[in-house]
N, C-alpha and C. Protein backbone atom coordinates (compact mmCIF):
# COMPACT_ATOMS: atom_id res chain seq x y z
N MET A 1 -25.10 -7.14 18.54
CA MET A 1 -24.36 -6.92 17.31
C MET A 1 -25.26 -7.27 16.14
N THR A 2 -25.17 -6.47 15.11
CA THR A 2 -25.94 -6.75 13.90
C THR A 2 -24.98 -7.06 12.77
N GLY A 3 -25.53 -7.60 11.71
CA GLY A 3 -24.72 -7.90 10.54
C GLY A 3 -24.80 -6.80 9.49
N ARG A 4 -25.36 -5.64 9.88
CA ARG A 4 -25.50 -4.55 8.91
C ARG A 4 -24.12 -4.09 8.43
N PRO A 5 -23.96 -3.86 7.12
CA PRO A 5 -22.67 -3.39 6.61
C PRO A 5 -22.19 -2.11 7.28
N ALA A 6 -23.11 -1.21 7.61
CA ALA A 6 -22.72 0.05 8.24
C ALA A 6 -22.10 -0.16 9.62
N ASP A 7 -22.43 -1.27 10.27
CA ASP A 7 -21.91 -1.55 11.60
C ASP A 7 -20.65 -2.43 11.58
N ASN A 8 -20.29 -2.92 10.42
CA ASN A 8 -19.18 -3.87 10.33
C ASN A 8 -17.85 -3.14 10.54
N PRO A 9 -17.09 -3.52 11.58
CA PRO A 9 -15.82 -2.84 11.85
C PRO A 9 -14.76 -3.10 10.78
N PHE A 10 -15.00 -4.06 9.90
CA PHE A 10 -14.03 -4.41 8.86
C PHE A 10 -14.44 -3.88 7.48
N ALA A 11 -15.37 -2.92 7.48
CA ALA A 11 -15.79 -2.27 6.23
C ALA A 11 -14.60 -1.49 5.68
N SER A 12 -14.54 -1.39 4.36
CA SER A 12 -13.39 -0.75 3.72
C SER A 12 -13.20 0.70 4.18
N ARG A 13 -14.27 1.42 4.44
CA ARG A 13 -14.13 2.81 4.89
C ARG A 13 -13.40 2.89 6.22
N ARG A 14 -13.54 1.88 7.07
CA ARG A 14 -12.83 1.87 8.36
C ARG A 14 -11.39 1.41 8.16
N ILE A 15 -11.21 0.42 7.31
CA ILE A 15 -9.86 -0.09 7.04
C ILE A 15 -9.00 0.99 6.39
N ASP A 16 -9.60 1.77 5.51
CA ASP A 16 -8.86 2.83 4.82
C ASP A 16 -8.33 3.90 5.77
N ARG A 17 -8.89 3.98 6.97
CA ARG A 17 -8.42 4.97 7.95
C ARG A 17 -7.24 4.47 8.78
N LEU A 18 -6.92 3.20 8.66
CA LEU A 18 -5.76 2.68 9.39
C LEU A 18 -4.49 3.30 8.84
N THR A 19 -3.53 3.50 9.71
CA THR A 19 -2.24 4.03 9.27
C THR A 19 -1.22 2.91 9.22
N TYR A 20 -0.24 3.10 8.37
CA TYR A 20 0.82 2.11 8.26
C TYR A 20 1.72 2.19 9.49
N ARG A 21 2.07 1.07 10.05
CA ARG A 21 2.97 1.02 11.21
C ARG A 21 4.39 0.86 10.71
N VAL A 22 5.13 1.95 10.71
CA VAL A 22 6.52 1.90 10.26
C VAL A 22 7.40 1.67 11.48
N PRO A 23 8.06 0.51 11.55
CA PRO A 23 8.99 0.31 12.66
C PRO A 23 10.26 1.11 12.45
N GLU A 24 11.15 1.01 13.39
CA GLU A 24 12.50 1.57 13.28
C GLU A 24 12.57 3.01 12.80
N GLY A 25 11.99 3.94 13.55
CA GLY A 25 12.17 5.35 13.24
C GLY A 25 11.02 6.02 12.54
N GLY A 26 9.98 5.31 12.17
CA GLY A 26 8.80 5.92 11.59
C GLY A 26 8.99 6.42 10.16
N LEU A 27 8.03 7.21 9.74
CA LEU A 27 8.04 7.73 8.37
C LEU A 27 9.26 8.60 8.10
N ARG A 28 9.73 9.29 9.13
CA ARG A 28 10.91 10.13 8.97
C ARG A 28 12.09 9.32 8.45
N PHE A 29 12.23 8.11 8.94
CA PHE A 29 13.31 7.22 8.51
C PHE A 29 13.15 6.84 7.03
N VAL A 30 11.93 6.54 6.61
CA VAL A 30 11.68 6.16 5.21
C VAL A 30 11.95 7.35 4.29
N VAL A 31 11.51 8.54 4.69
CA VAL A 31 11.76 9.74 3.89
C VAL A 31 13.26 10.01 3.79
N GLU A 32 13.98 9.80 4.88
CA GLU A 32 15.44 9.99 4.85
C GLU A 32 16.10 8.99 3.91
N ARG A 33 15.65 7.75 3.92
CA ARG A 33 16.20 6.76 2.98
C ARG A 33 15.92 7.16 1.54
N LEU A 34 14.75 7.71 1.27
CA LEU A 34 14.41 8.19 -0.06
C LEU A 34 15.34 9.34 -0.46
N ARG A 35 15.58 10.26 0.44
CA ARG A 35 16.48 11.38 0.16
C ARG A 35 17.88 10.86 -0.16
N ARG A 36 18.38 9.91 0.64
CA ARG A 36 19.71 9.35 0.41
C ARG A 36 19.78 8.58 -0.91
N ALA A 37 18.64 8.10 -1.40
CA ALA A 37 18.60 7.37 -2.68
C ALA A 37 18.39 8.32 -3.86
N GLY A 38 18.56 9.60 -3.63
CA GLY A 38 18.43 10.57 -4.71
C GLY A 38 17.01 10.86 -5.14
N GLY A 39 16.05 10.63 -4.25
CA GLY A 39 14.66 10.92 -4.58
C GLY A 39 13.99 9.86 -5.43
N ARG A 40 14.62 8.69 -5.53
CA ARG A 40 14.06 7.58 -6.28
C ARG A 40 14.02 6.37 -5.34
N GLY A 41 12.82 5.82 -5.12
CA GLY A 41 12.75 4.71 -4.18
C GLY A 41 11.57 3.80 -4.42
N ALA A 42 11.70 2.59 -3.90
CA ALA A 42 10.65 1.58 -4.02
C ALA A 42 10.22 1.10 -2.64
N VAL A 43 8.91 0.97 -2.48
CA VAL A 43 8.32 0.32 -1.32
C VAL A 43 7.95 -1.08 -1.82
N VAL A 44 8.56 -2.08 -1.22
CA VAL A 44 8.47 -3.45 -1.72
C VAL A 44 7.73 -4.34 -0.71
N GLY A 45 6.92 -5.26 -1.22
CA GLY A 45 6.26 -6.20 -0.33
C GLY A 45 5.25 -7.05 -1.07
N ALA A 46 4.78 -8.06 -0.39
CA ALA A 46 3.80 -8.99 -0.95
C ALA A 46 2.42 -8.34 -1.01
N HIS A 47 1.49 -9.00 -1.68
CA HIS A 47 0.10 -8.55 -1.72
C HIS A 47 -0.40 -8.38 -0.29
N GLY A 48 -1.12 -7.28 -0.05
CA GLY A 48 -1.76 -7.08 1.25
C GLY A 48 -0.82 -6.78 2.39
N SER A 49 0.40 -6.31 2.09
CA SER A 49 1.36 -6.04 3.16
C SER A 49 1.40 -4.57 3.56
N GLY A 50 0.64 -3.71 2.89
CA GLY A 50 0.58 -2.31 3.29
C GLY A 50 1.30 -1.33 2.39
N LYS A 51 1.72 -1.77 1.22
CA LYS A 51 2.48 -0.88 0.32
C LYS A 51 1.68 0.37 -0.04
N THR A 52 0.43 0.19 -0.42
CA THR A 52 -0.39 1.33 -0.82
C THR A 52 -0.62 2.26 0.37
N THR A 53 -0.89 1.71 1.53
CA THR A 53 -1.10 2.52 2.73
C THR A 53 0.14 3.33 3.05
N LEU A 54 1.31 2.72 2.96
CA LEU A 54 2.55 3.45 3.21
C LEU A 54 2.77 4.52 2.14
N LEU A 55 2.51 4.20 0.88
CA LEU A 55 2.68 5.18 -0.20
C LEU A 55 1.81 6.41 0.06
N GLU A 56 0.58 6.20 0.49
CA GLU A 56 -0.32 7.33 0.79
C GLU A 56 0.22 8.15 1.96
N ALA A 57 0.74 7.49 2.97
CA ALA A 57 1.32 8.21 4.11
C ALA A 57 2.54 9.02 3.66
N LEU A 58 3.36 8.44 2.80
CA LEU A 58 4.53 9.16 2.29
C LEU A 58 4.11 10.37 1.46
N ALA A 59 3.06 10.22 0.67
CA ALA A 59 2.60 11.32 -0.18
C ALA A 59 2.33 12.57 0.64
N ASP A 60 1.82 12.39 1.84
CA ASP A 60 1.53 13.53 2.71
C ASP A 60 2.78 14.14 3.32
N ARG A 61 3.89 13.42 3.28
CA ARG A 61 5.14 13.90 3.90
C ARG A 61 6.15 14.43 2.90
N LEU A 62 5.92 14.22 1.62
CA LEU A 62 6.90 14.60 0.60
C LEU A 62 6.58 15.97 0.00
N ASP A 63 7.62 16.68 -0.36
CA ASP A 63 7.46 17.97 -1.03
C ASP A 63 7.09 17.73 -2.49
N GLY A 64 6.59 18.76 -3.11
CA GLY A 64 6.29 18.68 -4.54
C GLY A 64 4.82 18.47 -4.81
N ARG A 65 4.47 18.67 -6.07
CA ARG A 65 3.09 18.44 -6.50
C ARG A 65 2.91 16.96 -6.78
N PRO A 66 2.10 16.28 -5.97
CA PRO A 66 1.97 14.83 -6.15
C PRO A 66 1.16 14.46 -7.39
N VAL A 67 1.64 13.46 -8.09
CA VAL A 67 0.93 12.84 -9.20
C VAL A 67 0.84 11.36 -8.86
N ARG A 68 -0.39 10.87 -8.64
CA ARG A 68 -0.59 9.49 -8.22
C ARG A 68 -1.05 8.64 -9.41
N LEU A 69 -0.39 7.50 -9.57
CA LEU A 69 -0.79 6.52 -10.59
C LEU A 69 -1.05 5.21 -9.87
N ALA A 70 -2.23 4.65 -10.02
CA ALA A 70 -2.56 3.38 -9.40
C ALA A 70 -2.78 2.34 -10.49
N LEU A 71 -1.90 1.36 -10.53
CA LEU A 71 -2.00 0.28 -11.51
C LEU A 71 -2.27 -1.02 -10.76
N ASN A 72 -3.11 -1.86 -11.33
CA ASN A 72 -3.34 -3.18 -10.74
C ASN A 72 -3.63 -4.17 -11.87
N ALA A 73 -3.89 -5.39 -11.49
CA ALA A 73 -4.09 -6.45 -12.49
C ALA A 73 -5.29 -6.17 -13.40
N GLU A 74 -6.24 -5.35 -12.94
CA GLU A 74 -7.42 -5.04 -13.75
C GLU A 74 -7.19 -3.83 -14.67
N THR A 75 -6.07 -3.15 -14.52
CA THR A 75 -5.80 -1.98 -15.35
C THR A 75 -5.53 -2.43 -16.78
N ALA A 76 -6.43 -2.04 -17.68
CA ALA A 76 -6.24 -2.37 -19.09
C ALA A 76 -5.13 -1.48 -19.65
N ARG A 77 -4.20 -2.08 -20.34
CA ARG A 77 -3.11 -1.34 -20.97
C ARG A 77 -2.44 -0.39 -19.97
N PRO A 78 -1.76 -0.92 -18.98
CA PRO A 78 -1.23 -0.09 -17.89
C PRO A 78 -0.27 1.01 -18.34
N LEU A 79 0.57 0.76 -19.33
CA LEU A 79 1.49 1.81 -19.78
C LEU A 79 0.71 2.98 -20.37
N GLU A 80 -0.23 2.70 -21.25
CA GLU A 80 -1.01 3.76 -21.87
C GLU A 80 -1.81 4.53 -20.82
N PHE A 81 -2.39 3.80 -19.87
CA PHE A 81 -3.14 4.43 -18.78
C PHE A 81 -2.23 5.35 -17.98
N ALA A 82 -1.04 4.87 -17.62
CA ALA A 82 -0.11 5.67 -16.82
C ALA A 82 0.31 6.93 -17.55
N ILE A 83 0.69 6.80 -18.79
CA ILE A 83 1.16 7.96 -19.55
C ILE A 83 0.02 8.97 -19.74
N ALA A 84 -1.18 8.49 -19.99
CA ALA A 84 -2.33 9.39 -20.16
C ALA A 84 -2.68 10.10 -18.85
N SER A 85 -2.32 9.53 -17.71
CA SER A 85 -2.64 10.12 -16.41
C SER A 85 -1.64 11.17 -15.97
N LEU A 86 -0.53 11.28 -16.67
CA LEU A 86 0.52 12.22 -16.28
C LEU A 86 0.25 13.62 -16.84
N PRO A 87 0.76 14.64 -16.16
CA PRO A 87 0.71 15.99 -16.75
C PRO A 87 1.52 16.00 -18.04
N GLU A 88 1.23 16.96 -18.89
CA GLU A 88 1.92 17.04 -20.18
C GLU A 88 3.42 17.18 -20.01
N THR A 89 3.84 17.99 -19.06
CA THR A 89 5.27 18.12 -18.77
C THR A 89 5.51 17.77 -17.32
N ILE A 90 6.62 17.11 -17.08
CA ILE A 90 7.02 16.69 -15.73
C ILE A 90 8.29 17.46 -15.40
N GLY A 91 8.28 18.12 -14.24
CA GLY A 91 9.46 18.87 -13.81
C GLY A 91 9.85 18.53 -12.39
N SER A 92 10.86 19.19 -11.91
CA SER A 92 11.39 18.90 -10.58
C SER A 92 10.39 19.21 -9.47
N GLU A 93 9.34 19.97 -9.78
CA GLU A 93 8.32 20.28 -8.77
C GLU A 93 7.34 19.12 -8.57
N HIS A 94 7.42 18.09 -9.39
CA HIS A 94 6.50 16.96 -9.30
C HIS A 94 7.06 15.83 -8.42
N THR A 95 6.15 15.23 -7.69
CA THR A 95 6.42 14.00 -6.95
C THR A 95 5.53 12.93 -7.57
N ILE A 96 6.14 11.94 -8.20
CA ILE A 96 5.41 10.89 -8.89
C ILE A 96 5.30 9.68 -7.98
N LEU A 97 4.09 9.21 -7.75
CA LEU A 97 3.82 8.06 -6.89
C LEU A 97 3.14 6.99 -7.74
N ILE A 98 3.84 5.89 -7.98
CA ILE A 98 3.32 4.84 -8.85
C ILE A 98 3.05 3.59 -8.02
N ASP A 99 1.78 3.33 -7.79
CA ASP A 99 1.38 2.16 -7.03
C ASP A 99 1.13 1.01 -8.00
N GLY A 100 1.88 -0.08 -7.85
CA GLY A 100 1.70 -1.24 -8.73
C GLY A 100 2.62 -1.24 -9.92
N ALA A 101 3.85 -0.78 -9.73
CA ALA A 101 4.81 -0.71 -10.85
C ALA A 101 5.06 -2.08 -11.48
N GLU A 102 4.81 -3.15 -10.74
CA GLU A 102 5.03 -4.49 -11.30
C GLU A 102 4.08 -4.80 -12.44
N GLN A 103 3.03 -3.99 -12.62
CA GLN A 103 2.08 -4.20 -13.71
C GLN A 103 2.69 -3.85 -15.07
N LEU A 104 3.80 -3.12 -15.03
CA LEU A 104 4.48 -2.74 -16.27
C LEU A 104 5.61 -3.73 -16.54
N GLY A 105 5.65 -4.29 -17.71
CA GLY A 105 6.77 -5.14 -18.08
C GLY A 105 8.04 -4.32 -18.19
N ARG A 106 9.12 -4.97 -18.52
CA ARG A 106 10.40 -4.27 -18.59
C ARG A 106 10.36 -3.11 -19.59
N TRP A 107 9.81 -3.33 -20.76
CA TRP A 107 9.72 -2.29 -21.78
C TRP A 107 8.80 -1.15 -21.31
N GLY A 108 7.65 -1.49 -20.75
CA GLY A 108 6.73 -0.47 -20.25
C GLY A 108 7.34 0.35 -19.13
N TRP A 109 8.06 -0.34 -18.22
CA TRP A 109 8.72 0.37 -17.13
C TRP A 109 9.76 1.33 -17.69
N TRP A 110 10.55 0.88 -18.65
CA TRP A 110 11.58 1.73 -19.23
C TRP A 110 10.96 2.98 -19.84
N ARG A 111 9.87 2.80 -20.58
CA ARG A 111 9.20 3.96 -21.22
C ARG A 111 8.63 4.92 -20.18
N LEU A 112 7.99 4.39 -19.15
CA LEU A 112 7.42 5.27 -18.13
C LEU A 112 8.53 5.97 -17.34
N ALA A 113 9.58 5.26 -17.00
CA ALA A 113 10.69 5.87 -16.26
C ALA A 113 11.31 7.01 -17.04
N ARG A 114 11.45 6.84 -18.35
CA ARG A 114 11.98 7.93 -19.19
C ARG A 114 11.03 9.12 -19.20
N ARG A 115 9.73 8.84 -19.22
CA ARG A 115 8.72 9.91 -19.27
C ARG A 115 8.73 10.76 -17.99
N VAL A 116 9.02 10.15 -16.83
CA VAL A 116 8.96 10.88 -15.55
C VAL A 116 10.34 11.22 -15.00
N LYS A 117 11.39 11.03 -15.76
CA LYS A 117 12.77 11.16 -15.27
C LYS A 117 13.09 12.54 -14.69
N ASP A 118 12.39 13.59 -15.11
CA ASP A 118 12.68 14.94 -14.62
C ASP A 118 11.96 15.28 -13.32
N ALA A 119 11.14 14.37 -12.81
CA ALA A 119 10.43 14.62 -11.56
C ALA A 119 11.44 14.76 -10.42
N GLY A 120 11.08 15.56 -9.45
CA GLY A 120 11.95 15.73 -8.28
C GLY A 120 12.03 14.47 -7.45
N ILE A 121 10.89 13.79 -7.29
CA ILE A 121 10.82 12.58 -6.47
C ILE A 121 9.96 11.57 -7.22
N ILE A 122 10.39 10.30 -7.19
CA ILE A 122 9.58 9.20 -7.73
C ILE A 122 9.61 8.07 -6.70
N VAL A 123 8.43 7.64 -6.29
CA VAL A 123 8.31 6.50 -5.38
C VAL A 123 7.36 5.51 -6.03
N ILE A 124 7.77 4.25 -6.04
CA ILE A 124 6.93 3.20 -6.61
C ILE A 124 6.65 2.14 -5.55
N THR A 125 5.60 1.37 -5.77
CA THR A 125 5.41 0.14 -5.01
C THR A 125 5.58 -1.01 -5.98
N SER A 126 6.11 -2.10 -5.45
CA SER A 126 6.34 -3.28 -6.29
C SER A 126 6.38 -4.51 -5.40
N HIS A 127 6.09 -5.66 -5.98
CA HIS A 127 6.16 -6.90 -5.22
C HIS A 127 7.59 -7.40 -5.05
N SER A 128 8.50 -6.94 -5.90
CA SER A 128 9.89 -7.39 -5.79
C SER A 128 10.84 -6.21 -6.00
N PRO A 129 12.02 -6.28 -5.43
CA PRO A 129 12.98 -5.18 -5.57
C PRO A 129 13.60 -5.16 -6.96
N GLY A 130 14.25 -4.04 -7.28
CA GLY A 130 15.05 -3.99 -8.49
C GLY A 130 14.89 -2.77 -9.36
N ARG A 131 13.72 -2.15 -9.39
CA ARG A 131 13.55 -1.02 -10.31
C ARG A 131 14.13 0.27 -9.76
N PHE A 132 14.02 0.48 -8.47
CA PHE A 132 14.62 1.60 -7.75
C PHE A 132 15.17 1.05 -6.45
N PRO A 133 16.02 1.80 -5.77
CA PRO A 133 16.49 1.34 -4.46
C PRO A 133 15.30 1.12 -3.51
N THR A 134 15.35 0.04 -2.77
CA THR A 134 14.29 -0.23 -1.80
C THR A 134 14.45 0.70 -0.61
N ILE A 135 13.41 1.50 -0.35
CA ILE A 135 13.46 2.39 0.81
C ILE A 135 12.69 1.80 1.99
N HIS A 136 11.85 0.82 1.72
CA HIS A 136 11.16 0.12 2.81
C HIS A 136 10.59 -1.19 2.28
N GLU A 137 10.73 -2.23 3.07
CA GLU A 137 10.12 -3.52 2.74
C GLU A 137 8.97 -3.75 3.69
N CYS A 138 7.77 -3.86 3.17
CA CYS A 138 6.57 -4.09 3.97
C CYS A 138 6.45 -5.57 4.31
N THR A 139 6.26 -5.85 5.57
CA THR A 139 6.06 -7.21 6.02
C THR A 139 4.86 -7.25 6.97
N THR A 140 4.32 -8.42 7.15
CA THR A 140 3.19 -8.59 8.06
C THR A 140 3.52 -9.67 9.06
N SER A 141 2.69 -9.78 10.07
CA SER A 141 2.85 -10.81 11.09
C SER A 141 1.50 -11.05 11.76
N PRO A 142 1.34 -12.19 12.43
CA PRO A 142 0.10 -12.40 13.18
C PRO A 142 -0.12 -11.30 14.23
N GLN A 143 0.96 -10.81 14.84
CA GLN A 143 0.82 -9.76 15.84
C GLN A 143 0.32 -8.46 15.22
N LEU A 144 0.82 -8.13 14.02
CA LEU A 144 0.34 -6.94 13.33
C LEU A 144 -1.16 -7.07 13.06
N LEU A 145 -1.59 -8.23 12.57
CA LEU A 145 -3.01 -8.45 12.32
C LEU A 145 -3.80 -8.26 13.61
N ALA A 146 -3.33 -8.84 14.70
CA ALA A 146 -4.02 -8.71 15.99
C ALA A 146 -4.11 -7.25 16.42
N ASP A 147 -3.04 -6.49 16.25
CA ASP A 147 -3.04 -5.07 16.62
C ASP A 147 -4.05 -4.28 15.79
N LEU A 148 -4.09 -4.55 14.48
CA LEU A 148 -5.02 -3.85 13.60
C LEU A 148 -6.47 -4.22 13.92
N VAL A 149 -6.71 -5.50 14.16
CA VAL A 149 -8.06 -5.95 14.52
C VAL A 149 -8.49 -5.30 15.82
N ASP A 150 -7.57 -5.23 16.78
CA ASP A 150 -7.91 -4.61 18.07
C ASP A 150 -8.23 -3.12 17.90
N GLU A 151 -7.57 -2.46 16.96
CA GLU A 151 -7.88 -1.05 16.69
C GLU A 151 -9.25 -0.91 16.05
N LEU A 152 -9.59 -1.80 15.14
CA LEU A 152 -10.87 -1.72 14.44
C LEU A 152 -12.04 -2.18 15.30
N ALA A 153 -11.82 -3.23 16.07
CA ALA A 153 -12.90 -3.85 16.85
C ALA A 153 -12.35 -4.39 18.15
N PRO A 154 -12.16 -3.54 19.15
CA PRO A 154 -11.61 -4.01 20.42
C PRO A 154 -12.41 -5.19 20.97
N GLY A 155 -11.69 -6.20 21.42
CA GLY A 155 -12.32 -7.36 22.01
C GLY A 155 -12.65 -8.48 21.03
N ILE A 156 -12.56 -8.24 19.74
CA ILE A 156 -12.91 -9.25 18.74
C ILE A 156 -11.81 -10.30 18.60
N ALA A 157 -10.58 -9.90 18.82
CA ALA A 157 -9.46 -10.82 18.59
C ALA A 157 -9.64 -12.14 19.32
N GLY A 158 -10.25 -12.11 20.49
CA GLY A 158 -10.45 -13.34 21.24
C GLY A 158 -11.47 -14.29 20.63
N SER A 159 -12.38 -13.76 19.81
CA SER A 159 -13.41 -14.62 19.22
C SER A 159 -13.04 -15.09 17.82
N ALA A 160 -11.88 -14.71 17.36
CA ALA A 160 -11.43 -15.13 16.02
C ALA A 160 -10.05 -15.75 16.17
N ASP A 161 -9.79 -16.80 15.46
CA ASP A 161 -8.46 -17.40 15.48
C ASP A 161 -7.60 -16.65 14.47
N LEU A 162 -7.08 -15.50 14.89
CA LEU A 162 -6.36 -14.63 13.97
C LEU A 162 -5.10 -15.28 13.41
N ASP A 163 -4.46 -16.09 14.21
CA ASP A 163 -3.25 -16.76 13.72
C ASP A 163 -3.59 -17.67 12.54
N ALA A 164 -4.69 -18.42 12.65
CA ALA A 164 -5.11 -19.31 11.56
C ALA A 164 -5.54 -18.50 10.34
N ILE A 165 -6.25 -17.40 10.57
CA ILE A 165 -6.68 -16.54 9.45
C ILE A 165 -5.46 -15.98 8.74
N PHE A 166 -4.48 -15.49 9.52
CA PHE A 166 -3.27 -14.92 8.95
C PHE A 166 -2.56 -15.95 8.07
N HIS A 167 -2.40 -17.17 8.56
CA HIS A 167 -1.68 -18.19 7.80
C HIS A 167 -2.50 -18.70 6.61
N ARG A 168 -3.82 -18.76 6.77
CA ARG A 168 -4.67 -19.20 5.66
C ARG A 168 -4.53 -18.24 4.46
N HIS A 169 -4.34 -16.96 4.76
CA HIS A 169 -4.21 -15.96 3.69
C HIS A 169 -2.76 -15.57 3.44
N GLN A 170 -1.84 -16.38 3.92
CA GLN A 170 -0.40 -16.22 3.68
C GLN A 170 0.09 -14.81 4.00
N GLY A 171 -0.43 -14.25 5.08
CA GLY A 171 0.03 -12.94 5.53
C GLY A 171 -0.59 -11.76 4.82
N ASN A 172 -1.52 -11.99 3.90
CA ASN A 172 -2.17 -10.91 3.16
C ASN A 172 -3.24 -10.30 4.08
N ILE A 173 -2.90 -9.17 4.69
CA ILE A 173 -3.79 -8.53 5.66
C ILE A 173 -5.12 -8.14 5.02
N ARG A 174 -5.08 -7.70 3.77
CA ARG A 174 -6.30 -7.31 3.08
C ARG A 174 -7.27 -8.49 3.00
N LEU A 175 -6.76 -9.68 2.65
CA LEU A 175 -7.63 -10.86 2.59
C LEU A 175 -8.10 -11.28 3.98
N CYS A 176 -7.26 -11.10 4.98
CA CYS A 176 -7.69 -11.38 6.36
C CYS A 176 -8.88 -10.50 6.73
N PHE A 177 -8.80 -9.21 6.39
CA PHE A 177 -9.92 -8.31 6.69
C PHE A 177 -11.18 -8.72 5.94
N ARG A 178 -11.03 -9.19 4.70
CA ARG A 178 -12.22 -9.65 3.96
C ARG A 178 -12.89 -10.81 4.67
N GLU A 179 -12.08 -11.76 5.13
CA GLU A 179 -12.66 -12.89 5.86
C GLU A 179 -13.33 -12.42 7.14
N LEU A 180 -12.69 -11.51 7.86
CA LEU A 180 -13.27 -11.00 9.10
C LEU A 180 -14.56 -10.22 8.82
N TYR A 181 -14.59 -9.49 7.72
CA TYR A 181 -15.81 -8.78 7.32
C TYR A 181 -16.95 -9.78 7.13
N ASP A 182 -16.67 -10.84 6.39
CA ASP A 182 -17.70 -11.86 6.12
C ASP A 182 -18.13 -12.56 7.41
N ARG A 183 -17.18 -12.87 8.26
CA ARG A 183 -17.52 -13.55 9.52
C ARG A 183 -18.35 -12.65 10.41
N TRP A 184 -18.04 -11.36 10.44
CA TRP A 184 -18.84 -10.41 11.23
C TRP A 184 -20.28 -10.37 10.68
N ALA A 185 -20.39 -10.31 9.35
CA ALA A 185 -21.72 -10.25 8.72
C ALA A 185 -22.53 -11.50 9.03
N ARG A 186 -21.88 -12.64 9.20
CA ARG A 186 -22.58 -13.90 9.52
C ARG A 186 -22.76 -14.09 11.02
N HIS A 187 -22.42 -13.08 11.81
CA HIS A 187 -22.55 -13.13 13.28
C HIS A 187 -21.64 -14.16 13.92
N GLU A 188 -20.49 -14.40 13.33
CA GLU A 188 -19.56 -15.39 13.90
C GLU A 188 -18.55 -14.76 14.84
N LEU A 189 -18.53 -13.45 14.93
CA LEU A 189 -17.57 -12.75 15.78
C LEU A 189 -18.31 -11.93 16.81
N GLY A 190 -17.64 -11.71 17.95
CA GLY A 190 -18.22 -10.79 18.93
C GLY A 190 -18.42 -11.34 20.27
């Protein structure tokens, strides 16, 4: 085993290929919940729980012309950025996907929601419920981490204390992968 970044099973290009594990009926169930909520829904969960991954999977399953907005803590002036990223007119043919809706305060959320109100479908991700009906709550577990690690690097789970890593990062799978990336680079795994 080498510590070369190209060989690291926890490199972001490999992690980005992982799919979200939707329990209880799969993506079809989440899409059905969105339909029952009138085409307005929120994917809710803590940092690193898979909200963005699920949103991307949903984008491939939803009808309409997708418009993706990604907001995070580093987004300067998130409301202005979001509005500037939208098409000039929004109609029922659009599917609006807003990742990181919690970056908008109450006033910013109200303004953006009014701007996209004519879209056929709107799905947001947020750390807490309340802006739209929750169509899925993302959660993590030590077993989920072990399953993902086994998919990325079969046999590695035994050389890493995944339970301790999971708890050290409070269930944030993204941070767990960062630690595993660093440990692989230092030849501590394998």
